[in-house]
């Protein structure tokens, strides 16, 4: 099994991970406010604390992708203005997700920074929807907050419209949709009816039709890789009735970087689900592993308490959380990576650098969080209330994991503890 390359810690709702990868420092942070009563006060507290963590990790002014979780759609415009005021010209690609933070705060923030001063890193901020990071002859293209034009035509038409907008945004910087490695599909009322069918099923029908002629990642695949190829993805419910999407694409001419879609030996591939779950099955891979020599980055799709294709532990959120984490553990294991042609690049739950936990019922938060902390330790984690794509599923978890074959010292943040960083944020 590969060794870990991650340093991580958490304290009072603020967590961070630092990953040294190909001479570039990646910093992941997740935070909730510790003080303030208004949205602006709480946002300022969370933003300043995350800024202090990112800066101490050597990634000042380099947040490139951000997800902001809010209680409902009505506060998004105010929150967007607060974020714009805070970042100015350094605005990340930012999505505003109407999923209430589980601890009752008015927002929670997840941020990705890419450190300068290690390898050569260039950041191009095209807009608040599109940011490109370039290093080591690789471009990561972050696309955020895509909503359908004239939203309200129905889930199928709105989803096709949103996919087309993502295609156009990527196309504006000469990126093809087939280079997408990861998507997020947020759908209000995900398990509610849509005419004679269900809204999530209509989303899957739109995704199936839009993906039909897209040859995903054909220039990145390992020799001999066959079968259907789809990006990693999360499809999750939100407040309201709208649709919002975001995505990440990888662009490089390097021949030593491979994209490997991972399936889980404990689960039926989602795109092979029976028609009773969705006539047009969900088109995504359980994870997308990107390998480069001795390194691997694994984008883990939204994962739930399903084995084969059946829901397990109905009504028990804690048991579903453990089953979900066991699924993720199997997905990123050495045995599974070896099975997919990446020997030596498997990892364990310790290899997770960032986690999101979606919880259907707010009353299950404490039990779910306890189970996650027992299995995951100090990984930065966002807990948000979001409906899951089956009525009997109570929890869904996604994340990013890293591994490398060689044994090297853990990266470290010099100097301050998180308590000191929190103090610094109050006097900035």
Protein backbone atom coordinates (compact mmCIF):
# COMPACT_ATOMS: atom_id res chain seq x y z
CA UNK A 1 0.00 0.00 0.00
CA UNK A 2 1.15 3.52 -0.75
CA UNK A 3 2.41 5.77 2.01
CA UNK A 4 0.54 8.91 3.04
CA UNK A 5 1.55 12.40 2.02
CA UNK A 6 -0.90 14.33 4.15
CA UNK A 7 -0.65 16.48 7.26
CA UNK A 8 -4.02 17.32 8.79
CA UNK A 9 -5.66 18.68 11.92
CA UNK A 10 -8.97 20.08 13.14
CA UNK A 11 -10.07 22.28 16.02
CA UNK A 12 -13.41 23.90 16.92
CA UNK A 13 -14.98 23.45 13.51
CA UNK A 14 -11.89 24.41 11.47
CA UNK A 15 -9.98 21.63 9.73
CA UNK A 16 -7.16 21.56 7.20
CA UNK A 17 -5.05 19.14 5.20
CA UNK A 18 -1.76 19.85 3.45
CA UNK A 19 -0.70 17.58 0.60
CA UNK A 20 2.67 17.75 -1.16
CA UNK A 21 2.14 16.44 -4.68
CA UNK A 22 4.58 16.71 -7.58
CA UNK A 23 6.42 19.64 -5.94
CA UNK A 24 3.15 21.54 -5.47
CA UNK A 25 1.44 22.16 -2.15
CA UNK A 26 -2.31 21.58 -2.05
CA UNK A 27 -4.22 22.89 0.96
CA UNK A 28 -7.78 21.82 1.82
CA UNK A 29 -9.74 23.66 4.49
CA UNK A 30 -13.23 23.30 5.91
CA UNK A 31 -14.65 25.69 8.43
CA UNK A 32 -17.73 26.93 10.25
CA UNK A 33 -17.99 30.26 12.08
CA UNK A 34 -17.08 30.37 15.77
CA UNK A 35 -18.63 33.78 16.46
CA UNK A 36 -21.12 36.27 15.09
CA UNK A 37 -24.90 36.35 14.74
CA UNK A 38 -25.48 37.88 11.30
CA UNK A 39 -24.52 36.28 7.99
CA UNK A 40 -21.84 38.91 7.39
CA UNK A 41 -20.32 38.44 10.86
CA UNK A 42 -20.27 34.66 10.59
CA UNK A 43 -18.94 34.74 7.02
CA UNK A 44 -16.16 37.15 7.99
CA UNK A 45 -15.12 34.91 10.88
CA UNK A 46 -15.04 31.74 8.77
CA UNK A 47 -13.30 33.42 5.84
CA UNK A 48 -10.59 35.00 7.99
CA UNK A 49 -9.88 31.77 9.81
CA UNK A 50 -9.60 29.80 6.57
CA UNK A 51 -7.42 32.56 5.12
CA UNK A 52 -5.08 32.27 8.12
CA UNK A 53 -4.83 28.49 7.71
CA UNK A 54 -4.17 28.76 3.97
CA UNK A 55 -1.58 31.51 4.47
CA UNK A 56 0.27 29.62 7.19
CA UNK A 57 0.43 26.62 4.87
CA UNK A 58 2.27 28.68 2.28
CA UNK A 59 -0.68 29.18 -0.06
CA UNK A 60 -1.52 32.85 0.50
CA UNK A 61 -4.01 34.33 -1.99
CA UNK A 62 -4.24 30.99 -3.75
CA UNK A 63 -7.72 29.64 -2.99
CA UNK A 64 -8.97 28.44 -6.38
CA UNK A 65 -12.17 26.50 -5.63
CA UNK A 66 -14.71 27.07 -2.90
CA UNK A 67 -18.08 25.66 -1.85
CA UNK A 68 -20.25 27.75 0.46
CA UNK A 69 -23.14 25.98 2.21
CA UNK A 70 -26.09 28.15 3.26
CA UNK A 71 -29.49 27.43 4.87
CA UNK A 72 -31.66 28.38 1.90
CA UNK A 73 -31.73 29.96 -1.54
CA UNK A 74 -32.88 33.35 -0.17
CA UNK A 75 -29.49 34.22 1.34
CA UNK A 76 -27.33 33.33 -1.68
CA UNK A 77 -27.28 36.83 -3.20
CA UNK A 78 -26.22 38.42 0.09
CA UNK A 79 -23.63 35.72 0.66
CA UNK A 80 -22.23 36.13 -2.85
CA UNK A 81 -21.70 39.85 -2.28
CA UNK A 82 -19.92 39.19 1.02
CA UNK A 83 -17.60 36.70 -0.71
CA UNK A 84 -16.90 39.15 -3.54
CA UNK A 85 -16.08 41.93 -1.07
CA UNK A 86 -13.73 39.68 0.88
CA UNK A 87 -11.69 38.29 -2.03
CA UNK A 88 -11.74 41.18 -4.50
CA UNK A 89 -9.58 40.26 -7.50
CA UNK A 90 -8.53 36.95 -5.87
CA UNK A 91 -12.05 35.45 -6.09
CA UNK A 92 -12.12 31.64 -6.31
CA UNK A 93 -14.53 29.66 -8.46
CA UNK A 94 -17.35 29.54 -5.93
CA UNK A 95 -20.54 27.51 -5.64
CA UNK A 96 -23.35 28.53 -3.27
CA UNK A 97 -25.15 25.39 -2.15
CA UNK A 98 -28.54 25.66 -0.37
CA UNK A 99 -27.87 22.89 2.15
CA UNK A 100 -28.15 23.96 5.81
CA UNK A 101 -24.93 23.44 7.81
CA UNK A 102 -25.70 20.74 10.37
CA UNK A 103 -24.50 22.76 13.36
CA UNK A 104 -27.09 25.49 12.80
CA UNK A 105 -24.71 28.18 11.53
CA UNK A 106 -25.63 30.49 8.67
CA UNK A 107 -22.88 29.12 6.43
CA UNK A 108 -20.01 26.64 6.21
CA UNK A 109 -17.09 26.89 3.79
CA UNK A 110 -14.91 24.35 2.01
CA UNK A 111 -11.84 25.73 0.21
CA UNK A 112 -8.99 24.42 -1.95
CA UNK A 113 -5.72 26.35 -2.19
CA UNK A 114 -2.70 25.61 -4.37
CA UNK A 115 0.55 26.77 -2.85
CA UNK A 116 2.99 28.99 -4.64
CA UNK A 117 6.70 28.86 -4.01
CA UNK A 118 7.11 25.07 -4.18
CA UNK A 119 6.79 24.21 -7.83
CA UNK A 120 5.88 26.89 -10.35
CA UNK A 121 2.14 27.62 -10.02
CA UNK A 122 0.06 29.97 -12.14
CA UNK A 123 -3.54 30.88 -11.30
CA UNK A 124 -5.81 32.42 -13.93
CA UNK A 125 -9.05 33.80 -12.49
CA UNK A 126 -11.27 34.00 -15.55
CA UNK A 127 -14.43 34.75 -13.52
CA UNK A 128 -16.15 33.75 -10.29
CA UNK A 129 -17.34 30.68 -12.19
CA UNK A 130 -14.06 29.68 -13.81
CA UNK A 131 -10.53 29.45 -12.40
CA UNK A 132 -7.55 27.66 -13.98
CA UNK A 133 -4.53 26.42 -12.04
CA UNK A 134 -1.39 25.48 -13.98
CA UNK A 135 1.64 23.65 -12.63
CA UNK A 136 3.96 20.87 -13.81
CA UNK A 137 2.48 21.11 -17.34
CA UNK A 138 -0.98 20.33 -15.93
CA UNK A 139 -4.05 22.57 -15.97
CA UNK A 140 -6.89 22.07 -13.50
CA UNK A 141 -10.00 23.91 -14.67
CA UNK A 142 -12.57 24.62 -11.94
CA UNK A 143 -16.12 25.46 -13.07
CA UNK A 144 -18.63 26.53 -10.41
CA UNK A 145 -22.21 27.71 -9.82
CA UNK A 146 -23.78 26.80 -13.15
CA UNK A 147 -27.57 27.19 -13.12
CA UNK A 148 -29.95 26.77 -16.09
CA UNK A 149 -30.98 29.84 -18.02
CA UNK A 150 -34.69 30.40 -17.46
CA UNK A 151 -34.79 27.69 -14.80
CA UNK A 152 -38.22 26.11 -14.37
CA UNK A 153 -38.79 24.27 -17.65
CA UNK A 154 -38.61 20.90 -15.89
CA UNK A 155 -35.70 18.87 -14.55
CA UNK A 156 -34.78 17.25 -17.87
CA UNK A 157 -34.66 20.47 -19.89
CA UNK A 158 -33.03 22.46 -17.07
CA UNK A 159 -30.32 19.82 -16.62
CA UNK A 160 -29.55 19.72 -20.37
CA UNK A 161 -29.32 23.51 -20.32
CA UNK A 162 -26.91 23.46 -17.36
CA UNK A 163 -24.71 20.83 -19.02
CA UNK A 164 -24.61 22.94 -22.17
CA UNK A 165 -23.54 25.96 -20.12
CA UNK A 166 -20.70 23.97 -18.55
CA UNK A 167 -19.64 22.92 -22.04
CA UNK A 168 -19.68 26.56 -23.15
CA UNK A 169 -17.71 27.78 -20.12
CA UNK A 170 -15.03 25.16 -20.66
CA UNK A 171 -15.06 25.84 -24.39
CA UNK A 172 -14.36 29.53 -23.74
CA UNK A 173 -10.90 28.49 -22.47
CA UNK A 174 -10.38 25.72 -25.06
CA UNK A 175 -11.32 22.86 -22.74
CA UNK A 176 -13.49 19.98 -23.98
CA UNK A 177 -16.28 18.42 -21.91
CA UNK A 178 -14.66 15.02 -22.44
CA UNK A 179 -11.79 16.26 -20.23
CA UNK A 180 -14.10 16.51 -17.21
CA UNK A 181 -13.03 14.25 -14.32
CA UNK A 182 -15.48 15.29 -11.57
CA UNK A 183 -18.99 16.77 -11.42
CA UNK A 184 -21.46 17.85 -8.73
CA UNK A 185 -25.18 17.87 -9.56
CA UNK A 186 -27.35 19.64 -6.98
CA UNK A 187 -31.11 19.19 -7.33
CA UNK A 188 -33.85 20.64 -5.15
CA UNK A 189 -36.53 18.12 -4.22
CA UNK A 190 -34.38 15.29 -5.54
CA UNK A 191 -36.75 12.46 -4.58
CA UNK A 192 -39.97 14.41 -5.22
CA UNK A 193 -42.31 13.66 -8.08
CA UNK A 194 -41.83 15.17 -11.52
CA UNK A 195 -45.07 14.42 -13.34
CA UNK A 196 -45.42 10.63 -13.47
CA UNK A 197 -41.79 10.04 -12.50
CA UNK A 198 -39.17 11.27 -9.99
CA UNK A 199 -36.97 14.34 -10.27
CA UNK A 200 -33.72 12.39 -9.78
CA UNK A 201 -34.74 9.96 -12.53
CA UNK A 202 -35.26 12.91 -14.88
CA UNK A 203 -31.81 14.22 -13.96
CA UNK A 204 -30.35 10.82 -14.82
CA UNK A 205 -32.22 10.78 -18.13
CA UNK A 206 -30.74 14.17 -19.01
CA UNK A 207 -27.23 13.11 -18.01
CA UNK A 208 -27.55 9.91 -20.06
CA UNK A 209 -28.64 11.79 -23.15
CA UNK A 210 -26.03 14.53 -22.80
CA UNK A 211 -23.18 12.06 -22.19
CA UNK A 212 -24.21 9.72 -25.00
CA UNK A 213 -21.65 10.84 -27.58
CA UNK A 214 -18.91 12.11 -25.24
CA UNK A 215 -15.74 9.93 -25.26
CA UNK A 216 -14.55 10.78 -21.75
CA UNK A 217 -10.81 10.88 -21.10
CA UNK A 218 -9.81 8.68 -24.04
CA UNK A 219 -6.35 10.28 -24.16
CA UNK A 220 -5.76 9.61 -20.44
CA UNK A 221 -6.79 5.97 -20.07
CA UNK A 222 -4.45 3.08 -19.31
CA UNK A 223 -3.76 0.74 -22.23
CA UNK A 224 -6.40 -1.93 -22.41
CA UNK A 225 -9.02 0.03 -20.46
CA UNK A 226 -12.40 -0.90 -21.89
CA UNK A 227 -16.06 -0.35 -21.18
CA UNK A 228 -18.03 2.74 -20.23
CA UNK A 229 -16.07 5.70 -18.88
CA UNK A 230 -17.77 8.44 -16.86
CA UNK A 231 -16.51 11.15 -14.47
CA UNK A 232 -16.74 10.81 -10.72
CA UNK A 233 -19.86 12.60 -9.50
CA UNK A 234 -22.20 13.50 -6.68
CA UNK A 235 -25.93 13.90 -7.25
CA UNK A 236 -27.49 15.31 -4.08
CA UNK A 237 -30.58 17.16 -2.94
CA UNK A 238 -30.84 20.79 -1.85
CA UNK A 239 -33.39 23.22 -0.47
CA UNK A 240 -35.78 24.73 -3.02
CA UNK A 241 -36.52 23.27 -6.46
CA UNK A 242 -33.59 24.47 -8.53
CA UNK A 243 -30.62 22.84 -10.28
CA UNK A 244 -26.99 23.85 -9.89
CA UNK A 245 -23.86 22.14 -11.18
CA UNK A 246 -20.09 22.40 -10.91
CA UNK A 247 -17.20 20.46 -12.44
CA UNK A 248 -13.44 20.01 -12.68
CA UNK A 249 -11.56 19.24 -15.89
CA UNK A 250 -7.95 18.09 -16.33
CA UNK A 251 -5.90 19.29 -19.30
CA UNK A 252 -2.36 18.10 -20.00
CA UNK A 253 -0.18 16.80 -22.82
CA UNK A 254 1.90 14.72 -20.43
CA UNK A 255 1.86 11.04 -21.29
CA UNK A 256 2.59 9.85 -17.74
CA UNK A 257 -0.73 11.03 -16.28
CA UNK A 258 -3.51 8.47 -16.44
CA UNK A 259 -7.19 8.67 -15.52
CA UNK A 260 -8.59 5.43 -14.15
CA UNK A 261 -12.32 5.16 -13.36
CA UNK A 262 -12.74 3.01 -10.26
CA UNK A 263 -15.61 0.70 -9.44
CA UNK A 264 -16.26 -0.83 -6.03
CA UNK A 265 -16.11 -4.61 -5.56
CA UNK A 266 -18.88 -4.28 -2.93
CA UNK A 267 -21.24 -2.41 -5.26
CA UNK A 268 -22.85 -2.78 -8.66
CA UNK A 269 -21.62 -0.02 -11.00
CA UNK A 270 -24.20 2.78 -10.89
CA UNK A 271 -24.53 2.76 -14.67
CA UNK A 272 -25.60 -0.92 -14.45
CA UNK A 273 -28.40 -0.35 -11.93
CA UNK A 274 -31.72 -2.04 -12.68
CA UNK A 275 -34.53 0.01 -14.23
CA UNK A 276 -36.44 0.06 -10.94
CA UNK A 277 -33.88 2.56 -9.60
CA UNK A 278 -33.90 4.74 -12.70
CA UNK A 279 -34.85 3.84 -16.31
CA UNK A 280 -31.77 5.81 -17.41
CA UNK A 281 -29.15 4.71 -14.90
CA UNK A 282 -26.85 7.22 -13.15
CA UNK A 283 -23.81 7.74 -15.37
CA UNK A 284 -20.81 8.14 -13.06
CA UNK A 285 -17.82 6.17 -11.82
CA UNK A 286 -17.53 5.35 -8.12
CA UNK A 287 -14.24 7.29 -8.16
CA UNK A 288 -11.73 8.72 -10.61
CA UNK A 289 -8.07 8.01 -9.87
CA UNK A 290 -5.42 10.17 -11.50
CA UNK A 291 -1.98 8.61 -11.41
CA UNK A 292 1.34 10.27 -12.13
CA UNK A 293 4.31 8.02 -11.48
CA UNK A 294 4.43 7.34 -7.76
CA UNK A 295 1.48 9.63 -6.94
CA UNK A 296 -2.29 9.21 -7.10
CA UNK A 297 -5.20 11.57 -6.54
CA UNK A 298 -8.57 9.89 -6.08
CA UNK A 299 -11.83 11.84 -6.50
CA UNK A 300 -14.45 9.82 -4.61
CA UNK A 301 -18.03 10.10 -5.81
CA UNK A 302 -20.98 10.49 -3.49
CA UNK A 303 -21.14 7.14 -1.70
CA UNK A 304 -23.95 5.66 0.38
CA UNK A 305 -24.97 2.57 2.35
CA UNK A 306 -25.43 0.35 -0.69
CA UNK A 307 -23.94 -3.06 -1.36
CA UNK A 308 -24.54 -4.70 -4.70
CA UNK A 309 -27.41 -2.36 -5.61
CA UNK A 310 -29.46 -2.60 -2.42
CA UNK A 311 -29.81 -0.11 0.47
CA UNK A 312 -28.51 -1.45 3.78
CA UNK A 313 -29.47 -0.56 7.40
CA UNK A 314 -32.74 1.21 6.65
CA UNK A 315 -33.63 3.74 9.36
CA UNK A 316 -30.23 3.58 11.13
CA UNK A 317 -28.08 6.61 10.24
CA UNK A 318 -25.05 5.52 12.28
CA UNK A 319 -25.01 2.05 10.72
CA UNK A 320 -25.43 3.57 7.25
CA UNK A 321 -22.49 5.89 7.94
CA UNK A 322 -20.25 2.97 8.88
CA UNK A 323 -21.39 0.99 5.82
CA UNK A 324 -20.67 4.00 3.61
CA UNK A 325 -17.17 4.42 5.05
CA UNK A 326 -16.53 0.71 4.57
CA UNK A 327 -17.52 1.17 0.92
CA UNK A 328 -15.06 4.04 0.55
CA UNK A 329 -12.37 2.01 2.30
CA UNK A 330 -12.84 -0.84 -0.19
CA UNK A 331 -12.97 1.56 -3.14
CA UNK A 332 -9.57 3.18 -2.44
CA UNK A 333 -7.86 0.06 -1.08
CA UNK A 334 -4.64 -1.36 -2.45
CA UNK A 335 -6.51 -4.46 -3.58
CA UNK A 336 -8.95 -2.38 -5.63
CA UNK A 337 -6.33 -0.04 -7.11
CA UNK A 338 -4.25 -3.07 -8.09
CA UNK A 339 -7.34 -4.61 -9.70
CA UNK A 340 -7.72 -1.44 -11.78
CA UNK A 341 -4.10 -1.40 -12.95
CA UNK A 342 -2.56 0.92 -10.35
CA UNK A 343 -0.52 -1.41 -8.09
CA UNK A 344 1.04 0.24 -5.05
CA UNK A 345 -1.25 3.29 -5.20
CA UNK A 346 -4.05 2.15 -2.94
CA UNK A 347 -4.63 3.80 0.39
CA UNK A 348 -6.84 3.69 3.49
CA UNK A 349 -9.25 6.12 5.12
CA UNK A 350 -6.15 7.88 6.47
CA UNK A 351 -5.45 8.93 2.89
CA UNK A 352 -8.51 11.19 2.79
CA UNK A 353 -7.65 14.89 2.66
CA UNK A 354 -11.18 16.31 2.49
CA UNK A 355 -14.65 14.92 3.17
CA UNK A 356 -18.24 16.09 2.74
CA UNK A 357 -21.05 14.38 4.63
CA UNK A 358 -24.62 14.92 3.47
CA UNK A 359 -27.27 13.99 6.06
CA UNK A 360 -30.96 13.61 5.13
CA UNK A 361 -32.37 14.25 8.64
CA UNK A 362 -30.87 16.99 10.83
CA UNK A 363 -31.59 14.92 13.94
CA UNK A 364 -29.08 12.30 12.73
CA UNK A 365 -26.18 14.78 12.75
CA UNK A 366 -24.60 13.88 16.10
CA UNK A 367 -24.73 10.13 15.48
CA UNK A 368 -23.38 10.51 11.97
CA UNK A 369 -20.60 12.85 13.05
CA UNK A 370 -19.56 10.52 15.89
CA UNK A 371 -19.27 7.62 13.44
CA UNK A 372 -17.23 9.73 11.01
CA UNK A 373 -14.86 11.01 13.69
CA UNK A 374 -14.36 7.47 14.98
CA UNK A 375 -13.32 6.23 11.52
CA UNK A 376 -11.76 9.34 9.96
CA UNK A 377 -10.01 11.26 12.74
CA UNK A 378 -9.02 14.86 11.99
CA UNK A 379 -9.78 15.13 8.29
CA UNK A 380 -11.44 18.47 7.37
CA UNK A 381 -15.13 17.75 6.98
CA UNK A 382 -18.29 19.62 6.05
CA UNK A 383 -21.59 18.31 7.44
CA UNK A 384 -24.67 19.59 5.58
CA UNK A 385 -28.34 18.67 5.45
CA UNK A 386 -29.06 17.33 1.99
CA UNK A 387 -31.62 14.86 0.72
CA UNK A 388 -30.09 11.68 -0.71
CA UNK A 389 -31.18 10.16 -4.02
CA UNK A 390 -33.20 7.29 -2.49
CA UNK A 391 -35.88 7.79 0.17
CA UNK A 392 -34.34 5.06 2.36
CA UNK A 393 -30.78 6.45 2.24
CA UNK A 394 -29.94 8.73 5.19
CA UNK A 395 -26.27 9.59 4.57
CA UNK A 396 -24.00 10.21 1.60
CA UNK A 397 -20.24 10.85 1.78
CA UNK A 398 -17.71 12.06 -0.80
CA UNK A 399 -14.04 13.00 -0.59
CA UNK A 400 -10.57 13.32 -2.08
CA UNK A 401 -7.79 10.89 -1.23
CA UNK A 402 -4.07 10.95 -1.98
CA UNK A 403 -1.28 8.39 -1.96
CA UNK A 404 2.28 7.88 -3.09
CA UNK A 405 4.42 4.77 -3.35
CA UNK A 406 7.57 6.05 -1.69
CA UNK A 407 8.00 6.69 2.02
CA UNK A 408 8.55 10.39 2.66
CA UNK A 409 8.08 12.60 5.72
CA UNK A 410 4.65 14.08 6.26
CA UNK A 411 4.32 17.67 5.14
CA UNK A 412 4.03 20.06 8.04
CA UNK A 413 2.64 23.51 8.61
CA UNK A 414 5.44 25.50 10.20
CA UNK A 415 4.83 27.27 13.46
CA UNK A 416 1.28 27.82 14.47
CA UNK A 417 -1.28 25.45 15.90
CA UNK A 418 -4.89 25.82 14.84
CA UNK A 419 -5.61 27.65 18.09
CA UNK A 420 -2.93 30.21 17.18
CA UNK A 421 -4.27 30.48 13.63
CA UNK A 422 -7.77 31.13 14.98
CA UNK A 423 -6.32 33.87 17.21
CA UNK A 424 -4.47 35.40 14.26
CA UNK A 425 -7.73 35.57 12.29
CA UNK A 426 -9.31 37.75 14.98
CA UNK A 427 -6.58 40.37 14.79
CA UNK A 428 -6.09 40.41 11.02
